[in-house]
Amino acid sequence: MSQSKIGILGSGEVAQALGRGFIKYGHDVKLGAREANNEKTTKWAKESGAHASAGTFADAAAFGEIVFLCTLWTGTENALKLAGASNLAGKVLVDVTNPLDFSKGKPALAIGHTDSGGEQVQRWVPGAKVVKAFNSVGNAHMVNPDFPNGPPDMFIAGNDEGAKATIADICKKFGWGVVDTGGIEASRLLEPLCILWVDYGMRNKTWNHAFKLVRK
């Protein structure tokens, strides 16, 4: 993975964890939020050193050669509008989101079976090359996951083969195996993996788990 400029849309723990991971490997990262002076992103940039910066969603989208979408689902469509379709056109946009509904307490999918969040993101920014990835594991294990049975697998989906190859390379650099599940419609399968990951964590009171495809 050659040195790249990484734009990240989001200010939370997922955005910050991925940002630290890219900086660890020598990349320049800009976190974007609704406001340029967002307290979380500016604090993160200050603490993360010379390769880190912060700005608006549009700033991060324009900055990134590759852009990661790490927003809460309820704010995702608006974040993409603020980022600007022109700033994302032709770029790889990694959809890390999950369309979660918290209205009944325990998270459930707000979309499923016949559509997915990944497909909606691709419709919202048709000029971007959307790849679903990093949505089925906690932020603590997104970079250099360390498990006793070897590296887990990152399941990815997207319509553009070149974009998926780019993200597969990033995943491998971060210490993951990679499973390509097909076009962006495969997000209908990957987003329920988030629910499985959460349910297992809630039942067992641990968040130190990830998925692996065992082959023979």
N, C-alpha and C. Protein backbone atom coordinates (compact mmCIF):
# COMPACT_ATOMS: atom_id res chain seq x y z
N MET A 1 0.86 -1.19 0.00
CA MET A 1 0.00 0.00 0.00
C MET A 1 0.88 1.23 0.00
N SER A 2 0.89 1.96 -1.10
CA SER A 2 1.70 3.17 -1.18
C SER A 2 1.12 4.26 -0.30
N GLN A 3 1.96 5.22 0.03
CA GLN A 3 1.51 6.30 0.90
C GLN A 3 0.39 7.07 0.24
N SER A 4 -0.69 7.28 0.96
CA SER A 4 -1.88 7.93 0.41
C SER A 4 -2.40 8.98 1.38
N LYS A 5 -3.22 9.87 0.85
CA LYS A 5 -3.99 10.78 1.68
C LYS A 5 -5.34 10.13 1.96
N ILE A 6 -5.66 10.02 3.25
CA ILE A 6 -6.89 9.35 3.67
C ILE A 6 -7.85 10.36 4.27
N GLY A 7 -9.03 10.44 3.72
CA GLY A 7 -10.09 11.26 4.30
C GLY A 7 -11.05 10.37 5.06
N ILE A 8 -11.45 10.79 6.24
CA ILE A 8 -12.38 10.00 7.06
C ILE A 8 -13.55 10.89 7.46
N LEU A 9 -14.75 10.47 7.08
CA LEU A 9 -15.97 11.19 7.44
C LEU A 9 -16.49 10.62 8.75
N GLY A 10 -16.34 11.38 9.82
CA GLY A 10 -16.76 10.92 11.13
C GLY A 10 -15.81 11.38 12.21
N SER A 11 -16.33 11.42 13.43
CA SER A 11 -15.53 11.92 14.55
C SER A 11 -15.45 10.95 15.72
N GLY A 12 -16.12 9.82 15.62
CA GLY A 12 -16.20 8.90 16.74
C GLY A 12 -15.04 7.93 16.85
N GLU A 13 -15.22 6.90 17.66
CA GLU A 13 -14.13 5.97 17.96
C GLU A 13 -13.68 5.19 16.73
N VAL A 14 -14.61 4.83 15.86
CA VAL A 14 -14.24 4.09 14.65
C VAL A 14 -13.37 4.95 13.75
N ALA A 15 -13.80 6.18 13.52
CA ALA A 15 -13.03 7.11 12.68
C ALA A 15 -11.64 7.33 13.26
N GLN A 16 -11.58 7.54 14.55
CA GLN A 16 -10.29 7.83 15.19
C GLN A 16 -9.38 6.61 15.17
N ALA A 17 -9.93 5.41 15.38
CA ALA A 17 -9.11 4.20 15.37
C ALA A 17 -8.53 3.94 13.99
N LEU A 18 -9.35 4.06 12.95
CA LEU A 18 -8.83 3.89 11.60
C LEU A 18 -7.81 4.97 11.26
N GLY A 19 -8.07 6.18 11.71
CA GLY A 19 -7.12 7.26 11.47
C GLY A 19 -5.77 6.98 12.08
N ARG A 20 -5.76 6.49 13.31
CA ARG A 20 -4.50 6.15 13.97
C ARG A 20 -3.79 5.03 13.22
N GLY A 21 -4.57 4.08 12.72
CA GLY A 21 -3.98 2.98 11.98
C GLY A 21 -3.27 3.44 10.73
N PHE A 22 -3.90 4.33 9.98
CA PHE A 22 -3.27 4.84 8.76
C PHE A 22 -2.03 5.67 9.07
N ILE A 23 -2.09 6.46 10.13
CA ILE A 23 -0.93 7.25 10.52
C ILE A 23 0.23 6.33 10.92
N LYS A 24 -0.09 5.25 11.59
CA LYS A 24 0.92 4.26 11.98
C LYS A 24 1.70 3.77 10.77
N TYR A 25 1.03 3.66 9.65
CA TYR A 25 1.67 3.17 8.43
C TYR A 25 2.11 4.29 7.50
N GLY A 26 2.21 5.51 8.03
CA GLY A 26 2.84 6.60 7.31
C GLY A 26 1.96 7.41 6.39
N HIS A 27 0.64 7.30 6.55
CA HIS A 27 -0.27 8.04 5.68
C HIS A 27 -0.71 9.34 6.35
N ASP A 28 -1.12 10.29 5.54
CA ASP A 28 -1.70 11.53 6.04
C ASP A 28 -3.21 11.37 6.13
N VAL A 29 -3.78 11.79 7.25
CA VAL A 29 -5.20 11.55 7.52
C VAL A 29 -5.88 12.85 7.92
N LYS A 30 -7.05 13.09 7.32
CA LYS A 30 -7.89 14.22 7.74
C LYS A 30 -9.25 13.69 8.16
N LEU A 31 -9.62 13.94 9.42
CA LEU A 31 -10.94 13.60 9.92
C LEU A 31 -11.90 14.75 9.63
N GLY A 32 -13.10 14.42 9.16
CA GLY A 32 -14.08 15.43 8.86
C GLY A 32 -15.32 15.31 9.73
N ALA A 33 -15.87 16.45 10.09
CA ALA A 33 -17.11 16.51 10.87
C ALA A 33 -17.98 17.62 10.28
N ARG A 34 -19.14 17.79 10.86
CA ARG A 34 -20.06 18.83 10.36
C ARG A 34 -19.42 20.22 10.43
N GLU A 35 -18.73 20.48 11.54
CA GLU A 35 -18.06 21.77 11.74
C GLU A 35 -16.55 21.57 11.77
N ALA A 36 -15.82 22.52 11.22
CA ALA A 36 -14.36 22.41 11.16
C ALA A 36 -13.72 22.41 12.54
N ASN A 37 -14.36 23.06 13.50
CA ASN A 37 -13.78 23.15 14.85
C ASN A 37 -14.40 22.12 15.80
N ASN A 38 -14.86 20.99 15.26
CA ASN A 38 -15.41 19.93 16.08
C ASN A 38 -14.42 19.53 17.17
N GLU A 39 -14.88 19.46 18.40
CA GLU A 39 -13.98 19.21 19.54
C GLU A 39 -13.27 17.87 19.44
N LYS A 40 -14.00 16.82 19.02
CA LYS A 40 -13.41 15.49 18.94
C LYS A 40 -12.32 15.41 17.88
N THR A 41 -12.62 15.93 16.69
CA THR A 41 -11.66 15.79 15.60
C THR A 41 -10.43 16.67 15.79
N THR A 42 -10.63 17.87 16.31
CA THR A 42 -9.48 18.75 16.52
C THR A 42 -8.58 18.22 17.64
N LYS A 43 -9.20 17.64 18.67
CA LYS A 43 -8.42 17.03 19.76
C LYS A 43 -7.64 15.84 19.22
N TRP A 44 -8.29 15.00 18.41
CA TRP A 44 -7.62 13.84 17.83
C TRP A 44 -6.45 14.27 16.97
N ALA A 45 -6.65 15.29 16.15
CA ALA A 45 -5.58 15.76 15.26
C ALA A 45 -4.39 16.29 16.06
N LYS A 46 -4.67 17.01 17.12
CA LYS A 46 -3.60 17.56 17.94
C LYS A 46 -2.79 16.46 18.60
N GLU A 47 -3.48 15.41 19.05
CA GLU A 47 -2.81 14.32 19.76
C GLU A 47 -2.09 13.35 18.82
N SER A 48 -2.47 13.35 17.53
CA SER A 48 -1.99 12.32 16.61
C SER A 48 -0.78 12.72 15.79
N GLY A 49 -0.36 13.96 15.90
CA GLY A 49 0.90 14.36 15.26
C GLY A 49 0.78 15.01 13.91
N ALA A 50 1.92 15.14 13.26
CA ALA A 50 2.03 15.94 12.04
C ALA A 50 1.26 15.37 10.86
N HIS A 51 0.99 14.08 10.87
CA HIS A 51 0.27 13.47 9.74
C HIS A 51 -1.24 13.55 9.90
N ALA A 52 -1.71 14.16 10.99
CA ALA A 52 -3.14 14.23 11.28
C ALA A 52 -3.65 15.65 11.15
N SER A 53 -4.88 15.78 10.63
CA SER A 53 -5.53 17.08 10.55
C SER A 53 -7.04 16.88 10.64
N ALA A 54 -7.76 17.98 10.78
CA ALA A 54 -9.21 17.91 10.93
C ALA A 54 -9.85 19.03 10.12
N GLY A 55 -11.10 18.84 9.75
CA GLY A 55 -11.84 19.84 8.99
C GLY A 55 -13.29 19.44 8.88
N THR A 56 -13.97 19.97 7.87
CA THR A 56 -15.36 19.63 7.63
C THR A 56 -15.45 18.32 6.84
N PHE A 57 -16.67 17.83 6.67
CA PHE A 57 -16.87 16.66 5.82
C PHE A 57 -16.34 16.93 4.41
N ALA A 58 -16.62 18.13 3.91
CA ALA A 58 -16.15 18.48 2.57
C ALA A 58 -14.63 18.54 2.51
N ASP A 59 -14.01 19.07 3.55
CA ASP A 59 -12.54 19.13 3.60
C ASP A 59 -11.94 17.73 3.53
N ALA A 60 -12.49 16.82 4.34
CA ALA A 60 -11.95 15.45 4.39
C ALA A 60 -12.18 14.72 3.07
N ALA A 61 -13.35 14.93 2.47
CA ALA A 61 -13.66 14.27 1.20
C ALA A 61 -12.75 14.77 0.08
N ALA A 62 -12.49 16.07 0.07
CA ALA A 62 -11.61 16.64 -0.94
C ALA A 62 -10.16 16.21 -0.73
N PHE A 63 -9.75 16.08 0.53
CA PHE A 63 -8.38 15.73 0.87
C PHE A 63 -8.05 14.29 0.51
N GLY A 64 -8.98 13.39 0.77
CA GLY A 64 -8.68 11.97 0.67
C GLY A 64 -8.59 11.46 -0.75
N GLU A 65 -7.52 10.72 -1.02
CA GLU A 65 -7.46 9.93 -2.24
C GLU A 65 -8.33 8.69 -2.09
N ILE A 66 -8.43 8.22 -0.86
CA ILE A 66 -9.38 7.19 -0.45
C ILE A 66 -10.15 7.78 0.73
N VAL A 67 -11.47 7.57 0.75
CA VAL A 67 -12.31 8.16 1.79
C VAL A 67 -13.05 7.06 2.54
N PHE A 68 -13.05 7.16 3.87
CA PHE A 68 -13.76 6.21 4.71
C PHE A 68 -14.98 6.87 5.32
N LEU A 69 -16.11 6.19 5.26
CA LEU A 69 -17.37 6.69 5.79
C LEU A 69 -17.64 6.02 7.12
N CYS A 70 -17.51 6.79 8.22
CA CYS A 70 -17.58 6.23 9.58
C CYS A 70 -18.61 6.96 10.44
N THR A 71 -19.73 7.31 9.86
CA THR A 71 -20.77 8.06 10.56
C THR A 71 -21.81 7.14 11.17
N LEU A 72 -22.57 7.66 12.14
CA LEU A 72 -23.77 6.96 12.58
C LEU A 72 -24.75 6.92 11.42
N TRP A 73 -25.50 5.83 11.31
CA TRP A 73 -26.35 5.67 10.14
C TRP A 73 -27.34 6.82 9.98
N THR A 74 -27.89 7.30 11.07
CA THR A 74 -28.91 8.35 10.99
C THR A 74 -28.36 9.64 10.37
N GLY A 75 -27.06 9.84 10.44
CA GLY A 75 -26.47 11.05 9.88
C GLY A 75 -25.71 10.82 8.59
N THR A 76 -25.78 9.61 8.05
CA THR A 76 -24.93 9.25 6.92
C THR A 76 -25.30 10.00 5.64
N GLU A 77 -26.58 10.02 5.29
CA GLU A 77 -26.99 10.68 4.05
C GLU A 77 -26.62 12.16 4.07
N ASN A 78 -26.88 12.82 5.21
CA ASN A 78 -26.56 14.24 5.30
C ASN A 78 -25.06 14.48 5.27
N ALA A 79 -24.28 13.59 5.90
CA ALA A 79 -22.82 13.73 5.87
C ALA A 79 -22.31 13.65 4.44
N LEU A 80 -22.87 12.75 3.64
CA LEU A 80 -22.45 12.62 2.24
C LEU A 80 -22.84 13.85 1.43
N LYS A 81 -24.01 14.43 1.73
CA LYS A 81 -24.41 15.67 1.06
C LYS A 81 -23.43 16.79 1.39
N LEU A 82 -23.07 16.89 2.67
CA LEU A 82 -22.13 17.93 3.08
C LEU A 82 -20.73 17.68 2.54
N ALA A 83 -20.36 16.41 2.39
CA ALA A 83 -19.05 16.07 1.82
C ALA A 83 -18.97 16.53 0.37
N GLY A 84 -20.06 16.40 -0.35
CA GLY A 84 -20.11 16.86 -1.73
C GLY A 84 -19.82 15.76 -2.72
N ALA A 85 -20.78 15.54 -3.62
CA ALA A 85 -20.60 14.48 -4.62
C ALA A 85 -19.36 14.70 -5.47
N SER A 86 -19.07 15.95 -5.78
CA SER A 86 -17.90 16.23 -6.63
C SER A 86 -16.59 15.87 -5.95
N ASN A 87 -16.56 15.98 -4.61
CA ASN A 87 -15.35 15.62 -3.86
C ASN A 87 -15.13 14.12 -3.77
N LEU A 88 -16.19 13.35 -4.04
CA LEU A 88 -16.10 11.89 -3.95
C LEU A 88 -16.10 11.21 -5.31
N ALA A 89 -16.34 11.97 -6.35
CA ALA A 89 -16.45 11.39 -7.69
C ALA A 89 -15.16 10.68 -8.11
N GLY A 90 -15.30 9.44 -8.53
CA GLY A 90 -14.17 8.66 -9.00
C GLY A 90 -13.31 8.07 -7.91
N LYS A 91 -13.60 8.36 -6.65
CA LYS A 91 -12.77 7.89 -5.54
C LYS A 91 -13.33 6.62 -4.91
N VAL A 92 -12.45 5.86 -4.28
CA VAL A 92 -12.89 4.72 -3.49
C VAL A 92 -13.47 5.26 -2.18
N LEU A 93 -14.73 4.89 -1.91
CA LEU A 93 -15.41 5.30 -0.69
C LEU A 93 -15.72 4.04 0.11
N VAL A 94 -15.07 3.88 1.24
CA VAL A 94 -15.23 2.68 2.06
C VAL A 94 -16.36 2.91 3.05
N ASP A 95 -17.42 2.11 2.90
CA ASP A 95 -18.59 2.24 3.77
C ASP A 95 -18.40 1.35 4.99
N VAL A 96 -18.11 1.98 6.12
CA VAL A 96 -17.90 1.27 7.38
C VAL A 96 -19.19 1.26 8.21
N THR A 97 -20.23 1.91 7.72
CA THR A 97 -21.45 2.09 8.50
C THR A 97 -22.28 0.82 8.55
N ASN A 98 -23.21 0.80 9.50
CA ASN A 98 -24.25 -0.22 9.57
C ASN A 98 -25.58 0.48 9.81
N PRO A 99 -26.64 0.09 9.07
CA PRO A 99 -27.94 0.76 9.22
C PRO A 99 -28.67 0.26 10.47
N LEU A 100 -28.25 0.75 11.62
CA LEU A 100 -28.77 0.25 12.90
C LEU A 100 -29.92 1.09 13.41
N ASP A 101 -30.90 0.41 13.99
CA ASP A 101 -32.06 1.03 14.62
C ASP A 101 -31.98 0.73 16.11
N PHE A 102 -31.88 1.77 16.93
CA PHE A 102 -31.76 1.62 18.38
C PHE A 102 -33.07 1.94 19.10
N SER A 103 -34.17 2.04 18.37
CA SER A 103 -35.43 2.52 18.96
C SER A 103 -35.98 1.59 20.03
N LYS A 104 -35.60 0.30 19.98
CA LYS A 104 -36.08 -0.65 20.97
C LYS A 104 -34.98 -1.06 21.94
N GLY A 105 -33.93 -0.26 21.99
CA GLY A 105 -32.82 -0.53 22.91
C GLY A 105 -31.73 -1.35 22.26
N LYS A 106 -31.97 -2.62 22.09
CA LYS A 106 -31.01 -3.50 21.45
C LYS A 106 -30.93 -3.18 19.96
N PRO A 107 -29.72 -3.03 19.41
CA PRO A 107 -29.62 -2.66 17.99
C PRO A 107 -30.20 -3.71 17.07
N ALA A 108 -30.90 -3.24 16.04
CA ALA A 108 -31.44 -4.10 15.00
C ALA A 108 -31.19 -3.41 13.66
N LEU A 109 -31.30 -4.15 12.60
CA LEU A 109 -31.11 -3.56 11.28
C LEU A 109 -32.34 -2.77 10.88
N ALA A 110 -32.13 -1.55 10.41
CA ALA A 110 -33.22 -0.73 9.90
C ALA A 110 -33.55 -1.07 8.45
N ILE A 111 -32.60 -1.71 7.76
CA ILE A 111 -32.75 -2.10 6.37
C ILE A 111 -32.26 -3.53 6.24
N GLY A 112 -32.91 -4.32 5.42
CA GLY A 112 -32.39 -5.67 5.25
C GLY A 112 -33.14 -6.49 4.22
N HIS A 113 -32.53 -7.58 3.82
CA HIS A 113 -33.09 -8.60 2.94
C HIS A 113 -33.17 -8.16 1.48
N THR A 114 -33.88 -7.06 1.20
CA THR A 114 -34.05 -6.63 -0.20
C THR A 114 -33.28 -5.35 -0.51
N ASP A 115 -32.60 -4.81 0.47
CA ASP A 115 -31.78 -3.61 0.29
C ASP A 115 -30.75 -3.61 1.41
N SER A 116 -29.83 -2.64 1.36
CA SER A 116 -28.81 -2.56 2.41
C SER A 116 -28.30 -1.13 2.50
N GLY A 117 -27.61 -0.85 3.60
CA GLY A 117 -26.98 0.45 3.74
C GLY A 117 -25.93 0.68 2.67
N GLY A 118 -25.15 -0.35 2.36
CA GLY A 118 -24.13 -0.22 1.33
C GLY A 118 -24.70 0.18 -0.01
N GLU A 119 -25.83 -0.43 -0.38
CA GLU A 119 -26.47 -0.07 -1.64
C GLU A 119 -27.02 1.34 -1.61
N GLN A 120 -27.55 1.76 -0.48
CA GLN A 120 -28.05 3.13 -0.37
C GLN A 120 -26.91 4.13 -0.52
N VAL A 121 -25.78 3.84 0.13
CA VAL A 121 -24.62 4.74 0.01
C VAL A 121 -24.21 4.86 -1.46
N GLN A 122 -24.18 3.73 -2.17
CA GLN A 122 -23.80 3.78 -3.58
C GLN A 122 -24.81 4.59 -4.40
N ARG A 123 -26.08 4.52 -4.06
CA ARG A 123 -27.09 5.32 -4.76
C ARG A 123 -26.95 6.80 -4.43
N TRP A 124 -26.60 7.11 -3.17
CA TRP A 124 -26.46 8.51 -2.77
C TRP A 124 -25.27 9.18 -3.44
N VAL A 125 -24.20 8.42 -3.67
CA VAL A 125 -23.01 8.97 -4.34
C VAL A 125 -22.65 8.05 -5.51
N PRO A 126 -23.43 8.09 -6.57
CA PRO A 126 -23.21 7.16 -7.69
C PRO A 126 -21.87 7.30 -8.37
N GLY A 127 -21.22 8.46 -8.22
CA GLY A 127 -19.93 8.66 -8.85
C GLY A 127 -18.77 8.07 -8.08
N ALA A 128 -19.02 7.62 -6.84
CA ALA A 128 -17.97 7.02 -6.01
C ALA A 128 -17.94 5.51 -6.20
N LYS A 129 -16.78 4.93 -5.90
CA LYS A 129 -16.62 3.47 -5.98
C LYS A 129 -16.73 2.92 -4.55
N VAL A 130 -17.95 2.55 -4.18
CA VAL A 130 -18.23 2.18 -2.79
C VAL A 130 -17.81 0.74 -2.52
N VAL A 131 -17.08 0.55 -1.43
CA VAL A 131 -16.69 -0.78 -0.96
C VAL A 131 -17.13 -0.91 0.49
N LYS A 132 -17.91 -1.93 0.77
CA LYS A 132 -18.30 -2.21 2.16
C LYS A 132 -17.17 -2.97 2.84
N ALA A 133 -16.73 -2.49 3.99
CA ALA A 133 -15.65 -3.14 4.73
C ALA A 133 -15.59 -2.59 6.15
N PHE A 134 -14.93 -3.31 7.03
CA PHE A 134 -14.70 -2.91 8.42
C PHE A 134 -15.99 -2.71 9.22
N ASN A 135 -17.10 -3.29 8.76
CA ASN A 135 -18.38 -3.07 9.45
C ASN A 135 -18.75 -4.18 10.43
N SER A 136 -17.96 -5.26 10.48
CA SER A 136 -18.36 -6.40 11.29
C SER A 136 -17.35 -6.73 12.39
N VAL A 137 -16.66 -5.72 12.87
CA VAL A 137 -15.71 -5.91 13.98
C VAL A 137 -15.63 -4.60 14.75
N GLY A 138 -15.28 -4.69 16.02
CA GLY A 138 -15.14 -3.49 16.84
C GLY A 138 -13.90 -2.70 16.51
N ASN A 139 -13.93 -1.40 16.80
CA ASN A 139 -12.82 -0.53 16.42
C ASN A 139 -11.50 -0.93 17.08
N ALA A 140 -11.55 -1.60 18.23
CA ALA A 140 -10.32 -1.99 18.92
C ALA A 140 -9.50 -3.00 18.12
N HIS A 141 -10.15 -3.71 17.19
CA HIS A 141 -9.47 -4.76 16.44
C HIS A 141 -9.40 -4.46 14.94
N MET A 142 -9.71 -3.26 14.53
CA MET A 142 -9.72 -2.95 13.10
C MET A 142 -8.32 -2.93 12.49
N VAL A 143 -7.35 -2.55 13.28
CA VAL A 143 -5.97 -2.48 12.81
C VAL A 143 -5.12 -3.45 13.61
N ASN A 144 -4.41 -4.34 12.90
CA ASN A 144 -3.55 -5.36 13.52
C ASN A 144 -4.29 -6.21 14.55
N PRO A 145 -5.37 -6.88 14.13
CA PRO A 145 -6.08 -7.76 15.05
C PRO A 145 -5.18 -8.91 15.49
N ASP A 146 -5.16 -9.17 16.78
CA ASP A 146 -4.26 -10.19 17.33
C ASP A 146 -5.10 -11.25 18.03
N PHE A 147 -5.28 -12.39 17.35
CA PHE A 147 -6.07 -13.48 17.90
C PHE A 147 -5.24 -14.76 17.91
N PRO A 148 -5.44 -15.62 18.90
CA PRO A 148 -4.59 -16.80 19.05
C PRO A 148 -4.70 -17.79 17.90
N ASN A 149 -5.81 -17.80 17.19
CA ASN A 149 -5.98 -18.74 16.08
C ASN A 149 -5.61 -18.14 14.73
N GLY A 150 -4.85 -17.06 14.76
CA GLY A 150 -4.42 -16.45 13.51
C GLY A 150 -5.30 -15.30 13.10
N PRO A 151 -4.96 -14.62 12.01
CA PRO A 151 -5.69 -13.43 11.61
C PRO A 151 -7.12 -13.74 11.19
N PRO A 152 -8.08 -12.93 11.60
CA PRO A 152 -9.45 -13.10 11.15
C PRO A 152 -9.61 -12.60 9.71
N ASP A 153 -10.80 -12.76 9.16
CA ASP A 153 -11.07 -12.33 7.79
C ASP A 153 -11.95 -11.09 7.77
N MET A 154 -11.61 -10.20 6.84
CA MET A 154 -12.45 -9.04 6.57
C MET A 154 -13.29 -9.35 5.33
N PHE A 155 -14.60 -9.28 5.49
CA PHE A 155 -15.52 -9.52 4.38
C PHE A 155 -15.81 -8.19 3.70
N ILE A 156 -15.62 -8.13 2.39
CA ILE A 156 -15.80 -6.89 1.65
C ILE A 156 -16.77 -7.10 0.50
N ALA A 157 -17.37 -6.01 0.02
CA ALA A 157 -18.29 -6.07 -1.11
C ALA A 157 -18.22 -4.75 -1.87
N GLY A 158 -18.41 -4.81 -3.17
CA GLY A 158 -18.41 -3.60 -3.98
C GLY A 158 -18.50 -3.94 -5.46
N ASN A 159 -18.91 -2.97 -6.24
CA ASN A 159 -19.10 -3.21 -7.68
C ASN A 159 -17.83 -3.05 -8.50
N ASP A 160 -16.86 -2.29 -7.99
CA ASP A 160 -15.66 -1.99 -8.76
C ASP A 160 -14.52 -2.90 -8.30
N GLU A 161 -14.02 -3.72 -9.23
CA GLU A 161 -12.99 -4.70 -8.87
C GLU A 161 -11.69 -4.02 -8.45
N GLY A 162 -11.33 -2.94 -9.12
CA GLY A 162 -10.12 -2.21 -8.75
C GLY A 162 -10.21 -1.61 -7.37
N ALA A 163 -11.38 -1.06 -7.04
CA ALA A 163 -11.59 -0.48 -5.71
C ALA A 163 -11.48 -1.55 -4.64
N LYS A 164 -12.07 -2.72 -4.91
CA LYS A 164 -11.97 -3.81 -3.93
C LYS A 164 -10.53 -4.28 -3.76
N ALA A 165 -9.78 -4.30 -4.85
CA ALA A 165 -8.38 -4.69 -4.75
C ALA A 165 -7.60 -3.71 -3.88
N THR A 166 -7.91 -2.42 -4.02
CA THR A 166 -7.25 -1.39 -3.20
C THR A 166 -7.55 -1.60 -1.73
N ILE A 167 -8.81 -1.88 -1.40
CA ILE A 167 -9.19 -2.06 0.00
C ILE A 167 -8.69 -3.39 0.54
N ALA A 168 -8.64 -4.41 -0.31
CA ALA A 168 -8.07 -5.68 0.12
C ALA A 168 -6.62 -5.50 0.51
N ASP A 169 -5.90 -4.69 -0.25
CA ASP A 169 -4.50 -4.41 0.06
C ASP A 169 -4.37 -3.73 1.42
N ILE A 170 -5.25 -2.77 1.69
CA ILE A 170 -5.24 -2.08 2.98
C ILE A 170 -5.55 -3.08 4.11
N CYS A 171 -6.56 -3.90 3.91
CA CYS A 171 -6.92 -4.89 4.93
C CYS A 171 -5.75 -5.81 5.25
N LYS A 172 -5.07 -6.27 4.21
CA LYS A 172 -3.93 -7.18 4.42
C LYS A 172 -2.80 -6.46 5.15
N LYS A 173 -2.58 -5.19 4.80
CA LYS A 173 -1.55 -4.41 5.49
C LYS A 173 -1.90 -4.26 6.97
N PHE A 174 -3.18 -4.17 7.25
CA PHE A 174 -3.64 -4.04 8.63
C PHE A 174 -3.69 -5.38 9.35
N GLY A 175 -3.34 -6.48 8.66
CA GLY A 175 -3.26 -7.77 9.31
C GLY A 175 -4.46 -8.68 9.16
N TRP A 176 -5.30 -8.42 8.16
CA TRP A 176 -6.50 -9.23 7.93
C TRP A 176 -6.34 -10.16 6.74
N GLY A 177 -7.03 -11.30 6.79
CA GLY A 177 -7.35 -12.02 5.58
C GLY A 177 -8.52 -11.31 4.92
N VAL A 178 -8.75 -11.59 3.66
CA VAL A 178 -9.82 -10.89 2.93
C VAL A 178 -10.70 -11.89 2.21
N VAL A 179 -12.02 -11.69 2.33
CA VAL A 179 -13.01 -12.48 1.60
C VAL A 179 -13.86 -11.53 0.77
N ASP A 180 -13.76 -11.63 -0.55
CA ASP A 180 -14.56 -10.82 -1.46
C ASP A 180 -15.90 -11.51 -1.65
N THR A 181 -16.98 -10.84 -1.23
CA THR A 181 -18.31 -11.46 -1.28
C THR A 181 -19.12 -11.05 -2.50
N GLY A 182 -18.54 -10.23 -3.40
CA GLY A 182 -19.25 -9.87 -4.62
C GLY A 182 -19.60 -8.39 -4.69
N GLY A 183 -20.66 -8.08 -5.43
CA GLY A 183 -21.09 -6.70 -5.64
C GLY A 183 -21.62 -6.06 -4.37
N ILE A 184 -21.93 -4.77 -4.47
CA ILE A 184 -22.35 -4.01 -3.30
C ILE A 184 -23.63 -4.58 -2.68
N GLU A 185 -24.43 -5.30 -3.48
CA GLU A 185 -25.64 -5.91 -2.93
C GLU A 185 -25.32 -6.98 -1.88
N ALA A 186 -24.09 -7.46 -1.85
CA ALA A 186 -23.69 -8.41 -0.81
C ALA A 186 -23.65 -7.75 0.57
N SER A 187 -23.77 -6.43 0.62
CA SER A 187 -23.92 -5.75 1.92
C SER A 187 -25.13 -6.26 2.67
N ARG A 188 -26.12 -6.81 1.94
CA ARG A 188 -27.29 -7.41 2.58
C ARG A 188 -26.90 -8.59 3.47
N LEU A 189 -25.76 -9.19 3.17
CA LEU A 189 -25.23 -10.28 3.98
C LEU A 189 -24.25 -9.80 5.03
N LEU A 190 -23.47 -8.78 4.69
CA LEU A 190 -22.40 -8.32 5.59
C LEU A 190 -22.95 -7.50 6.76
N GLU A 191 -23.99 -6.71 6.52
CA GLU A 191 -24.52 -5.88 7.61
C GLU A 191 -25.14 -6.71 8.73
N PRO A 192 -25.84 -7.84 8.43
CA PRO A 192 -26.27 -8.70 9.53
C PRO A 192 -25.12 -9.30 10.35
N LEU A 193 -23.92 -9.39 9.74
CA LEU A 193 -22.77 -9.85 10.51
C LEU A 193 -22.50 -8.93 11.69
N CYS A 194 -22.78 -7.64 11.52
CA CYS A 194 -22.62 -6.70 12.64
C CYS A 194 -23.55 -7.07 13.79
N ILE A 195 -24.79 -7.43 13.45
CA ILE A 195 -25.75 -7.83 14.49
C ILE A 195 -25.28 -9.10 15.19
N LEU A 196 -24.77 -10.06 14.43
CA LEU A 196 -24.23 -11.28 15.02
C LEU A 196 -23.07 -10.95 15.94
N TRP A 197 -22.19 -10.05 15.50
CA TRP A 197 -21.03 -9.64 16.30
C TRP A 197 -21.50 -9.00 17.61
N VAL A 198 -22.50 -8.12 17.52
CA VAL A 198 -23.03 -7.44 18.72
C VAL A 198 -23.73 -8.43 19.64
N ASP A 199 -24.57 -9.31 19.08
CA ASP A 199 -25.31 -10.26 19.91
C ASP A 199 -24.36 -11.18 20.68
N TYR A 200 -23.32 -11.65 19.99
CA TYR A 200 -22.34 -12.51 20.67
C TYR A 200 -21.67 -11.73 21.80
N GLY A 201 -21.31 -10.49 21.55
CA GLY A 201 -20.67 -9.68 22.56
C GLY A 201 -21.55 -9.44 23.77
N MET A 202 -22.84 -9.16 23.51
CA MET A 202 -23.77 -8.90 24.62
C MET A 202 -24.01 -10.16 25.45
N ARG A 203 -24.12 -11.31 24.77
CA ARG A 203 -24.38 -12.57 25.48
C ARG A 203 -23.18 -13.00 26.33
N ASN A 204 -22.00 -12.75 25.80
CA ASN A 204 -20.78 -13.25 26.46
C ASN A 204 -20.00 -12.16 27.18
N LYS A 205 -20.50 -10.93 27.13
CA LYS A 205 -19.88 -9.81 27.82
C LYS A 205 -18.40 -9.65 27.44
N THR A 206 -18.14 -9.76 26.15
CA THR A 206 -16.80 -9.54 25.62
C THR A 206 -16.91 -8.97 24.22
N TRP A 207 -15.95 -8.15 23.84
CA TRP A 207 -15.94 -7.56 22.50
C TRP A 207 -14.67 -7.93 21.76
N ASN A 208 -14.02 -8.99 22.23
CA ASN A 208 -12.77 -9.44 21.64
C ASN A 208 -13.00 -10.65 20.74
N HIS A 209 -13.74 -10.43 19.67
CA HIS A 209 -14.03 -11.52 18.75
C HIS A 209 -14.12 -10.97 17.32
N ALA A 210 -13.89 -11.85 16.37
CA ALA A 210 -13.96 -11.49 14.96
C ALA A 210 -14.28 -12.76 14.18
N PHE A 211 -14.60 -12.61 12.90
CA PHE A 211 -15.01 -13.74 12.07
C PHE A 211 -13.86 -14.24 11.19
N LYS A 212 -13.93 -15.53 10.90
CA LYS A 212 -12.94 -16.13 10.01
C LYS A 212 -13.62 -17.19 9.16
N LEU A 213 -13.35 -17.17 7.87
CA LEU A 213 -13.84 -18.21 6.97
C LEU A 213 -12.81 -19.32 6.92
N VAL A 214 -13.22 -20.53 7.33
CA VAL A 214 -12.31 -21.67 7.35
C VAL A 214 -12.46 -22.44 6.05
N ARG A 215 -11.36 -22.67 5.36
CA ARG A 215 -11.39 -23.32 4.05
C ARG A 215 -10.69 -24.67 4.12
N LYS A 216 -11.05 -25.54 3.19
CA LYS A 216 -10.40 -26.84 3.09
C LYS A 216 -10.07 -27.11 1.63
